[in-house]
Amino acid sequence: MAGYRVTIKKSAVKELEAVPKNRMRRIVNLIQGLCDDPRPASSQKLSGQAKYRIRQGPYRIVYSVDDKNALVDIVKIGHRREVYR
């Protein structure tokens, strides 16, 4: 399988910086894993949208996948109570 390139929106970078350090490392590892497999078994497609999400404890990573250009775009990172708003 060809490797995907991962991009992160500026707003998502700010949201990631607000996450506690112990969770941040795990989230970064999940994001790096999206290069090899953009739709891991732990991901779920969001209903009514062309986006996916991965859980890391109470935090969610919302992203879109462009298979044609082999690109994963991280859209939002945040606590589960706030990320879908």
PDB file of N, CA and C in Angstrom:
ATOM      1  N   MET A   1       0.849  -1.175   0.000  1.00  0.00           N
ATOM      2  CA  MET A   1       0.000   0.000   0.000  1.00  0.00           C
ATOM      3  C   MET A   1       0.893   1.236   0.000  1.00  0.00           C
ATOM      4  N   ALA A   2       0.538   2.193  -0.807  1.00  0.00           N
ATOM      5  CA  ALA A   2       1.306   3.431  -0.877  1.00  0.00           C
ATOM      6  C   ALA A   2       1.106   4.246   0.391  1.00  0.00           C
ATOM      7  N   GLY A   3       2.135   4.959   0.802  1.00  0.00           N
ATOM      8  CA  GLY A   3       2.045   5.788   1.997  1.00  0.00           C
ATOM      9  C   GLY A   3       1.240   7.046   1.734  1.00  0.00           C
ATOM     10  N   TYR A   4       0.477   7.443   2.703  1.00  0.00           N
ATOM     11  CA  TYR A   4      -0.318   8.667   2.614  1.00  0.00           C
ATOM     12  C   TYR A   4       0.459   9.798   3.266  1.00  0.00           C
ATOM     13  N   ARG A   5       0.224  10.996   2.782  1.00  0.00           N
ATOM     14  CA  ARG A   5       0.828  12.181   3.379  1.00  0.00           C
ATOM     15  C   ARG A   5      -0.202  12.782   4.338  1.00  0.00           C
ATOM     16  N   VAL A   6       0.226  13.164   5.510  1.00  0.00           N
ATOM     17  CA  VAL A   6      -0.674  13.714   6.524  1.00  0.00           C
ATOM     18  C   VAL A   6      -0.456  15.217   6.637  1.00  0.00           C
ATOM     19  N   THR A   7      -1.542  15.980   6.551  1.00  0.00           N
ATOM     20  CA  THR A   7      -1.485  17.419   6.791  1.00  0.00           C
ATOM     21  C   THR A   7      -2.397  17.732   7.971  1.00  0.00           C
ATOM     22  N   ILE A   8      -2.038  18.771   8.706  1.00  0.00           N
ATOM     23  CA  ILE A   8      -2.818  19.168   9.877  1.00  0.00           C
ATOM     24  C   ILE A   8      -3.158  20.644   9.745  1.00  0.00           C
ATOM     25  N   LYS A   9      -4.443  20.968   9.869  1.00  0.00           N
ATOM     26  CA  LYS A   9      -4.858  22.371   9.815  1.00  0.00           C
ATOM     27  C   LYS A   9      -4.246  23.139  10.989  1.00  0.00           C
ATOM     28  N   LYS A  10      -4.026  24.428  10.794  1.00  0.00           N
ATOM     29  CA  LYS A  10      -3.448  25.257  11.854  1.00  0.00           C
ATOM     30  C   LYS A  10      -4.307  25.231  13.108  1.00  0.00           C
ATOM     31  N   SER A  11      -5.615  25.245  12.929  1.00  0.00           N
ATOM     32  CA  SER A  11      -6.505  25.217  14.091  1.00  0.00           C
ATOM     33  C   SER A  11      -6.369  23.892  14.845  1.00  0.00           C
ATOM     34  N   ALA A  12      -6.160  22.798  14.119  1.00  0.00           N
ATOM     35  CA  ALA A  12      -5.988  21.496  14.770  1.00  0.00           C
ATOM     36  C   ALA A  12      -4.666  21.436  15.531  1.00  0.00           C
ATOM     37  N   VAL A  13      -3.639  22.121  15.035  1.00  0.00           N
ATOM     38  CA  VAL A  13      -2.357  22.170  15.751  1.00  0.00           C
ATOM     39  C   VAL A  13      -2.549  22.873  17.086  1.00  0.00           C
ATOM     40  N   LYS A  14      -3.292  23.969  17.086  1.00  0.00           N
ATOM     41  CA  LYS A  14      -3.565  24.688  18.337  1.00  0.00           C
ATOM     42  C   LYS A  14      -4.356  23.806  19.299  1.00  0.00           C
ATOM     43  N   GLU A  15      -5.320  23.058  18.766  1.00  0.00           N
ATOM     44  CA  GLU A  15      -6.118  22.171  19.614  1.00  0.00           C
ATOM     45  C   GLU A  15      -5.244  21.063  20.193  1.00  0.00           C
ATOM     46  N   LEU A  16      -4.294  20.574  19.403  1.00  0.00           N
ATOM     47  CA  LEU A  16      -3.381  19.529  19.882  1.00  0.00           C
ATOM     48  C   LEU A  16      -2.477  20.057  20.987  1.00  0.00           C
ATOM     49  N   GLU A  17      -2.035  21.288  20.866  1.00  0.00           N
ATOM     50  CA  GLU A  17      -1.177  21.889  21.888  1.00  0.00           C
ATOM     51  C   GLU A  17      -1.906  22.054  23.217  1.00  0.00           C
ATOM     52  N   ALA A  18      -3.239  22.113  23.187  1.00  0.00           N
ATOM     53  CA  ALA A  18      -4.031  22.280  24.405  1.00  0.00           C
ATOM     54  C   ALA A  18      -4.266  20.950  25.128  1.00  0.00           C
ATOM     55  N   VAL A  19      -3.953  19.850  24.475  1.00  0.00           N
ATOM     56  CA  VAL A  19      -4.149  18.521  25.060  1.00  0.00           C
ATOM     57  C   VAL A  19      -3.042  18.256  26.079  1.00  0.00           C
ATOM     58  N   PRO A  20      -3.362  17.598  27.206  1.00  0.00           N
ATOM     59  CA  PRO A  20      -2.313  17.251  28.182  1.00  0.00           C
ATOM     60  C   PRO A  20      -1.201  16.425  27.528  1.00  0.00           C
ATOM     61  N   LYS A  21       0.031  16.625  27.993  1.00  0.00           N
ATOM     62  CA  LYS A  21       1.213  16.013  27.383  1.00  0.00           C
ATOM     63  C   LYS A  21       1.134  14.489  27.303  1.00  0.00           C
ATOM     64  N   ASN A  22       0.617  13.840  28.355  1.00  0.00           N
ATOM     65  CA  ASN A  22       0.565  12.379  28.328  1.00  0.00           C
ATOM     66  C   ASN A  22      -0.366  11.860  27.229  1.00  0.00           C
ATOM     67  N   ARG A  23      -1.435  12.569  26.931  1.00  0.00           N
ATOM     68  CA  ARG A  23      -2.355  12.184  25.850  1.00  0.00           C
ATOM     69  C   ARG A  23      -1.802  12.613  24.494  1.00  0.00           C
ATOM     70  N   MET A  24      -1.053  13.711  24.482  1.00  0.00           N
ATOM     71  CA  MET A  24      -0.549  14.251  23.220  1.00  0.00           C
ATOM     72  C   MET A  24       0.341  13.233  22.507  1.00  0.00           C
ATOM     73  N   ARG A  25       1.198  12.548  23.234  1.00  0.00           N
ATOM     74  CA  ARG A  25       2.092  11.560  22.616  1.00  0.00           C
ATOM     75  C   ARG A  25       1.302  10.450  21.940  1.00  0.00           C
ATOM     76  N   ARG A  26       0.260   9.987  22.591  1.00  0.00           N
ATOM     77  CA  ARG A  26      -0.565   8.929  22.013  1.00  0.00           C
ATOM     78  C   ARG A  26      -1.298   9.417  20.764  1.00  0.00           C
ATOM     79  N   ILE A  27      -1.794  10.645  20.822  1.00  0.00           N
ATOM     80  CA  ILE A  27      -2.490  11.220  19.675  1.00  0.00           C
ATOM     81  C   ILE A  27      -1.534  11.377  18.499  1.00  0.00           C
ATOM     82  N   VAL A  28      -0.329  11.851  18.748  1.00  0.00           N
ATOM     83  CA  VAL A  28       0.670  12.012  17.684  1.00  0.00           C
ATOM     84  C   VAL A  28       1.001  10.651  17.073  1.00  0.00           C
ATOM     85  N   ASN A  29       1.121   9.615  17.899  1.00  0.00           N
ATOM     86  CA  ASN A  29       1.383   8.273  17.382  1.00  0.00           C
ATOM     87  C   ASN A  29       0.241   7.784  16.491  1.00  0.00           C
ATOM     88  N   LEU A  30      -1.003   8.066  16.881  1.00  0.00           N
ATOM     89  CA  LEU A  30      -2.142   7.687  16.045  1.00  0.00           C
ATOM     90  C   LEU A  30      -2.110   8.421  14.710  1.00  0.00           C
ATOM     91  N   ILE A  31      -1.786   9.713  14.759  1.00  0.00           N
ATOM     92  CA  ILE A  31      -1.722  10.505  13.527  1.00  0.00           C
ATOM     93  C   ILE A  31      -0.625   9.971  12.611  1.00  0.00           C
ATOM     94  N   GLN A  32       0.520   9.624  13.164  1.00  0.00           N
ATOM     95  CA  GLN A  32       1.604   9.072  12.356  1.00  0.00           C
ATOM     96  C   GLN A  32       1.200   7.730  11.741  1.00  0.00           C
ATOM     97  N   GLY A  33       0.405   6.961  12.435  1.00  0.00           N
ATOM     98  CA  GLY A  33      -0.073   5.684  11.921  1.00  0.00           C
ATOM     99  C   GLY A  33      -0.997   5.821  10.730  1.00  0.00           C
ATOM    100  N   LEU A  34      -1.620   7.000  10.575  1.00  0.00           N
ATOM    101  CA  LEU A  34      -2.515   7.220   9.443  1.00  0.00           C
ATOM    102  C   LEU A  34      -1.760   7.255   8.116  1.00  0.00           C
ATOM    103  N   CYS A  35      -0.447   7.466   8.156  1.00  0.00           N
ATOM    104  CA  CYS A  35       0.367   7.442   6.930  1.00  0.00           C
ATOM    105  C   CYS A  35       0.308   6.063   6.279  1.00  0.00           C
ATOM    106  N   ASP A  36       0.344   5.026   7.076  1.00  0.00           N
ATOM    107  CA  ASP A  36       0.343   3.665   6.564  1.00  0.00           C
ATOM    108  C   ASP A  36      -1.067   3.140   6.302  1.00  0.00           C
ATOM    109  N   ASP A  37      -1.993   3.473   7.191  1.00  0.00           N
ATOM    110  CA  ASP A  37      -3.368   2.982   7.068  1.00  0.00           C
ATOM    111  C   ASP A  37      -4.327   4.102   7.453  1.00  0.00           C
ATOM    112  N   PRO A  38      -4.909   4.807   6.470  1.00  0.00           N
ATOM    113  CA  PRO A  38      -5.782   5.933   6.800  1.00  0.00           C
ATOM    114  C   PRO A  38      -7.136   5.526   7.388  1.00  0.00           C
ATOM    115  N   ARG A  39      -7.470   4.259   7.272  1.00  0.00           N
ATOM    116  CA  ARG A  39      -8.730   3.782   7.845  1.00  0.00           C
ATOM    117  C   ARG A  39      -8.480   2.551   8.718  1.00  0.00           C
ATOM    118  N   PRO A  40      -7.817   2.752   9.874  1.00  0.00           N
ATOM    119  CA  PRO A  40      -7.549   1.603  10.744  1.00  0.00           C
ATOM    120  C   PRO A  40      -8.857   1.044  11.312  1.00  0.00           C
ATOM    121  N   ALA A  41      -8.769  -0.129  11.892  1.00  0.00           N
ATOM    122  CA  ALA A  41      -9.962  -0.783  12.453  1.00  0.00           C
ATOM    123  C   ALA A  41     -10.617   0.062  13.532  1.00  0.00           C
ATOM    124  N   SER A  42      -9.850   0.903  14.208  1.00  0.00           N
ATOM    125  CA  SER A  42     -10.400   1.725  15.294  1.00  0.00           C
ATOM    126  C   SER A  42     -11.095   2.987  14.787  1.00  0.00           C
ATOM    127  N   SER A  43     -11.032   3.270  13.494  1.00  0.00           N
ATOM    128  CA  SER A  43     -11.657   4.488  12.972  1.00  0.00           C
ATOM    129  C   SER A  43     -13.122   4.232  12.636  1.00  0.00           C
ATOM    130  N   GLN A  44     -13.895   5.302  12.644  1.00  0.00           N
ATOM    131  CA  GLN A  44     -15.300   5.227  12.256  1.00  0.00           C
ATOM    132  C   GLN A  44     -15.617   6.378  11.333  1.00  0.00           C
ATOM    133  N   LYS A  45     -16.448   6.105  10.336  1.00  0.00           N
ATOM    134  CA  LYS A  45     -16.885   7.159   9.427  1.00  0.00           C
ATOM    135  C   LYS A  45     -17.984   7.950  10.125  1.00  0.00           C
ATOM    136  N   LEU A  46     -17.908   9.260  10.021  1.00  0.00           N
ATOM    137  CA  LEU A  46     -18.932  10.105  10.627  1.00  0.00           C
ATOM    138  C   LEU A  46     -20.158  10.129   9.725  1.00  0.00           C
ATOM    139  N   SER A  47     -21.316   9.984  10.306  1.00  0.00           N
ATOM    140  CA  SER A  47     -22.544   9.942   9.518  1.00  0.00           C
ATOM    141  C   SER A  47     -22.833  11.316   8.916  1.00  0.00           C
ATOM    142  N   GLY A  48     -23.218  11.317   7.664  1.00  0.00           N
ATOM    143  CA  GLY A  48     -23.570  12.547   6.975  1.00  0.00           C
ATOM    144  C   GLY A  48     -22.382  13.384   6.550  1.00  0.00           C
ATOM    145  N   GLN A  49     -21.173  12.876   6.719  1.00  0.00           N
ATOM    146  CA  GLN A  49     -19.974  13.630   6.356  1.00  0.00           C
ATOM    147  C   GLN A  49     -18.984  12.695   5.675  1.00  0.00           C
ATOM    148  N   ALA A  50     -18.037  13.275   4.979  1.00  0.00           N
ATOM    149  CA  ALA A  50     -16.979  12.478   4.344  1.00  0.00           C
ATOM    150  C   ALA A  50     -15.736  12.512   5.219  1.00  0.00           C
ATOM    151  N   LYS A  51     -15.934  12.355   6.524  1.00  0.00           N
ATOM    152  CA  LYS A  51     -14.833  12.414   7.483  1.00  0.00           C
ATOM    153  C   LYS A  51     -14.851  11.177   8.357  1.00  0.00           C
ATOM    154  N   TYR A  52     -13.712  10.936   8.993  1.00  0.00           N
ATOM    155  CA  TYR A  52     -13.550   9.813   9.898  1.00  0.00           C
ATOM    156  C   TYR A  52     -13.099  10.338  11.249  1.00  0.00           C
ATOM    157  N   ARG A  53     -13.197   9.462  12.261  1.00  0.00           N
ATOM    158  CA  ARG A  53     -12.695   9.838  13.570  1.00  0.00           C
ATOM    159  C   ARG A  53     -12.004   8.655  14.217  1.00  0.00           C
ATOM    160  N   ILE A  54     -11.016   8.985  15.035  1.00  0.00           N
ATOM    161  CA  ILE A  54     -10.314   7.991  15.842  1.00  0.00           C
ATOM    162  C   ILE A  54     -10.414   8.454  17.288  1.00  0.00           C
ATOM    163  N   ARG A  55     -10.605   7.512  18.199  1.00  0.00           N
ATOM    164  CA  ARG A  55     -10.687   7.822  19.622  1.00  0.00           C
ATOM    165  C   ARG A  55      -9.342   7.597  20.288  1.00  0.00           C
ATOM    166  N   GLN A  56      -9.029   8.464  21.222  1.00  0.00           N
ATOM    167  CA  GLN A  56      -7.888   8.267  22.123  1.00  0.00           C
ATOM    168  C   GLN A  56      -8.352   8.726  23.489  1.00  0.00           C
ATOM    169  N   GLY A  57      -8.878   7.804  24.263  1.00  0.00           N
ATOM    170  CA  GLY A  57      -9.452   8.162  25.557  1.00  0.00           C
ATOM    171  C   GLY A  57     -10.621   9.108  25.325  1.00  0.00           C
ATOM    172  N   PRO A  58     -10.673  10.221  26.048  1.00  0.00           N
ATOM    173  CA  PRO A  58     -11.779  11.165  25.858  1.00  0.00           C
ATOM    174  C   PRO A  58     -11.562  12.121  24.681  1.00  0.00           C
ATOM    175  N   TYR A  59     -10.473  11.954  23.943  1.00  0.00           N
ATOM    176  CA  TYR A  59     -10.156  12.854  22.830  1.00  0.00           C
ATOM    177  C   TYR A  59     -10.477  12.197  21.494  1.00  0.00           C
ATOM    178  N   ARG A  60     -10.820  13.027  20.517  1.00  0.00           N
ATOM    179  CA  ARG A  60     -11.157  12.555  19.183  1.00  0.00           C
ATOM    180  C   ARG A  60     -10.299  13.271  18.153  1.00  0.00           C
ATOM    181  N   ILE A  61      -9.922  12.543  17.110  1.00  0.00           N
ATOM    182  CA  ILE A  61      -9.191  13.096  15.980  1.00  0.00           C
ATOM    183  C   ILE A  61     -10.124  12.959  14.782  1.00  0.00           C
ATOM    184  N   VAL A  62     -10.525  14.070  14.205  1.00  0.00           N
ATOM    185  CA  VAL A  62     -11.420  14.066  13.049  1.00  0.00           C
ATOM    186  C   VAL A  62     -10.586  14.396  11.825  1.00  0.00           C
ATOM    187  N   TYR A  63     -10.729  13.585  10.783  1.00  0.00           N
ATOM    188  CA  TYR A  63      -9.903  13.777   9.591  1.00  0.00           C
ATOM    189  C   TYR A  63     -10.651  13.334   8.336  1.00  0.00           C
ATOM    190  N   SER A  64     -10.153  13.795   7.199  1.00  0.00           N
ATOM    191  CA  SER A  64     -10.695  13.385   5.903  1.00  0.00           C
ATOM    192  C   SER A  64      -9.593  12.681   5.123  1.00  0.00           C
ATOM    193  N   VAL A  65     -10.009  11.819   4.200  1.00  0.00           N
ATOM    194  CA  VAL A  65      -9.062  11.039   3.410  1.00  0.00           C
ATOM    195  C   VAL A  65      -9.315  11.318   1.932  1.00  0.00           C
ATOM    196  N   ASP A  66      -8.246  11.648   1.206  1.00  0.00           N
ATOM    197  CA  ASP A  66      -8.300  11.841  -0.239  1.00  0.00           C
ATOM    198  C   ASP A  66      -7.449  10.739  -0.867  1.00  0.00           C
ATOM    199  N   ASP A  67      -8.115   9.664  -1.306  1.00  0.00           N
ATOM    200  CA  ASP A  67      -7.382   8.515  -1.852  1.00  0.00           C
ATOM    201  C   ASP A  67      -6.702   8.841  -3.179  1.00  0.00           C
ATOM    202  N   LYS A  68      -7.313   9.702  -3.959  1.00  0.00           N
ATOM    203  CA  LYS A  68      -6.760  10.045  -5.280  1.00  0.00           C
ATOM    204  C   LYS A  68      -5.375  10.676  -5.142  1.00  0.00           C
ATOM    205  N   ASN A  69      -5.213  11.565  -4.161  1.00  0.00           N
ATOM    206  CA  ASN A  69      -3.945  12.258  -3.947  1.00  0.00           C
ATOM    207  C   ASN A  69      -3.138  11.664  -2.796  1.00  0.00           C
ATOM    208  N   ALA A  70      -3.598  10.565  -2.216  1.00  0.00           N
ATOM    209  CA  ALA A  70      -2.945   9.907  -1.074  1.00  0.00           C
ATOM    210  C   ALA A  70      -2.670  10.911   0.041  1.00  0.00           C
ATOM    211  N   LEU A  71      -3.750  11.574   0.500  1.00  0.00           N
ATOM    212  CA  LEU A  71      -3.629  12.650   1.480  1.00  0.00           C
ATOM    213  C   LEU A  71      -4.624  12.432   2.620  1.00  0.00           C
ATOM    214  N   VAL A  72      -4.153  12.592   3.834  1.00  0.00           N
ATOM    215  CA  VAL A  72      -4.993  12.576   5.035  1.00  0.00           C
ATOM    216  C   VAL A  72      -4.904  13.970   5.641  1.00  0.00           C
ATOM    217  N   ASP A  73      -6.053  14.618   5.834  1.00  0.00           N
ATOM    218  CA  ASP A  73      -6.085  15.981   6.369  1.00  0.00           C
ATOM    219  C   ASP A  73      -6.744  15.969   7.742  1.00  0.00           C
ATOM    220  N   ILE A  74      -5.961  16.256   8.779  1.00  0.00           N
ATOM    221  CA  ILE A  74      -6.487  16.323  10.145  1.00  0.00           C
ATOM    222  C   ILE A  74      -7.241  17.640  10.277  1.00  0.00           C
ATOM    223  N   VAL A  75      -8.532  17.553  10.575  1.00  0.00           N
ATOM    224  CA  VAL A  75      -9.396  18.722  10.610  1.00  0.00           C
ATOM    225  C   VAL A  75      -9.572  19.263  12.022  1.00  0.00           C
ATOM    226  N   LYS A  76      -9.733  18.357  12.993  1.00  0.00           N
ATOM    227  CA  LYS A  76     -10.052  18.793  14.349  1.00  0.00           C
ATOM    228  C   LYS A  76      -9.537  17.773  15.355  1.00  0.00           C
ATOM    229  N   ILE A  77      -9.060  18.265  16.477  1.00  0.00           N
ATOM    230  CA  ILE A  77      -8.617  17.426  17.588  1.00  0.00           C
ATOM    231  C   ILE A  77      -9.194  18.042  18.847  1.00  0.00           C
ATOM    232  N   GLY A  78      -9.901  17.250  19.640  1.00  0.00           N
ATOM    233  CA  GLY A  78     -10.459  17.827  20.857  1.00  0.00           C
ATOM    234  C   GLY A  78     -11.148  16.805  21.721  1.00  0.00           C
ATOM    235  N   HIS A  79     -11.622  17.290  22.856  1.00  0.00           N
ATOM    236  CA  HIS A  79     -12.342  16.463  23.806  1.00  0.00           C
ATOM    237  C   HIS A  79     -13.677  16.057  23.181  1.00  0.00           C
ATOM    238  N   ARG A  80     -14.148  14.893  23.517  1.00  0.00           N
ATOM    239  CA  ARG A  80     -15.341  14.346  22.879  1.00  0.00           C
ATOM    240  C   ARG A  80     -16.583  15.216  23.069  1.00  0.00           C
ATOM    241  N   ARG A  81     -16.643  15.949  24.163  1.00  0.00           N
ATOM    242  CA  ARG A  81     -17.829  16.782  24.391  1.00  0.00           C
ATOM    243  C   ARG A  81     -17.831  18.035  23.528  1.00  0.00           C
ATOM    244  N   GLU A  82     -16.691  18.378  22.930  1.00  0.00           N
ATOM    245  CA  GLU A  82     -16.593  19.624  22.160  1.00  0.00           C
ATOM    246  C   GLU A  82     -16.271  19.421  20.687  1.00  0.00           C
ATOM    247  N   VAL A  83     -15.733  18.289  20.316  1.00  0.00           N
ATOM    248  CA  VAL A  83     -15.167  18.139  18.975  1.00  0.00           C
ATOM    249  C   VAL A  83     -16.214  18.112  17.866  1.00  0.00           C
ATOM    250  N   TYR A  84     -17.417  17.686  18.126  1.00  0.00           N
ATOM    251  CA  TYR A  84     -18.420  17.579  17.069  1.00  0.00           C
ATOM    252  C   TYR A  84     -19.274  18.827  16.908  1.00  0.00           C
ATOM    253  N   ARG A  85     -19.026  19.849  17.687  1.00  0.00           N
ATOM    254  CA  ARG A  85     -19.828  21.085  17.614  1.00  0.00           C
ATOM    255  C   ARG A  85     -19.413  21.924  16.448  1.00  0.00           C
TER     256      ARG A  85
END
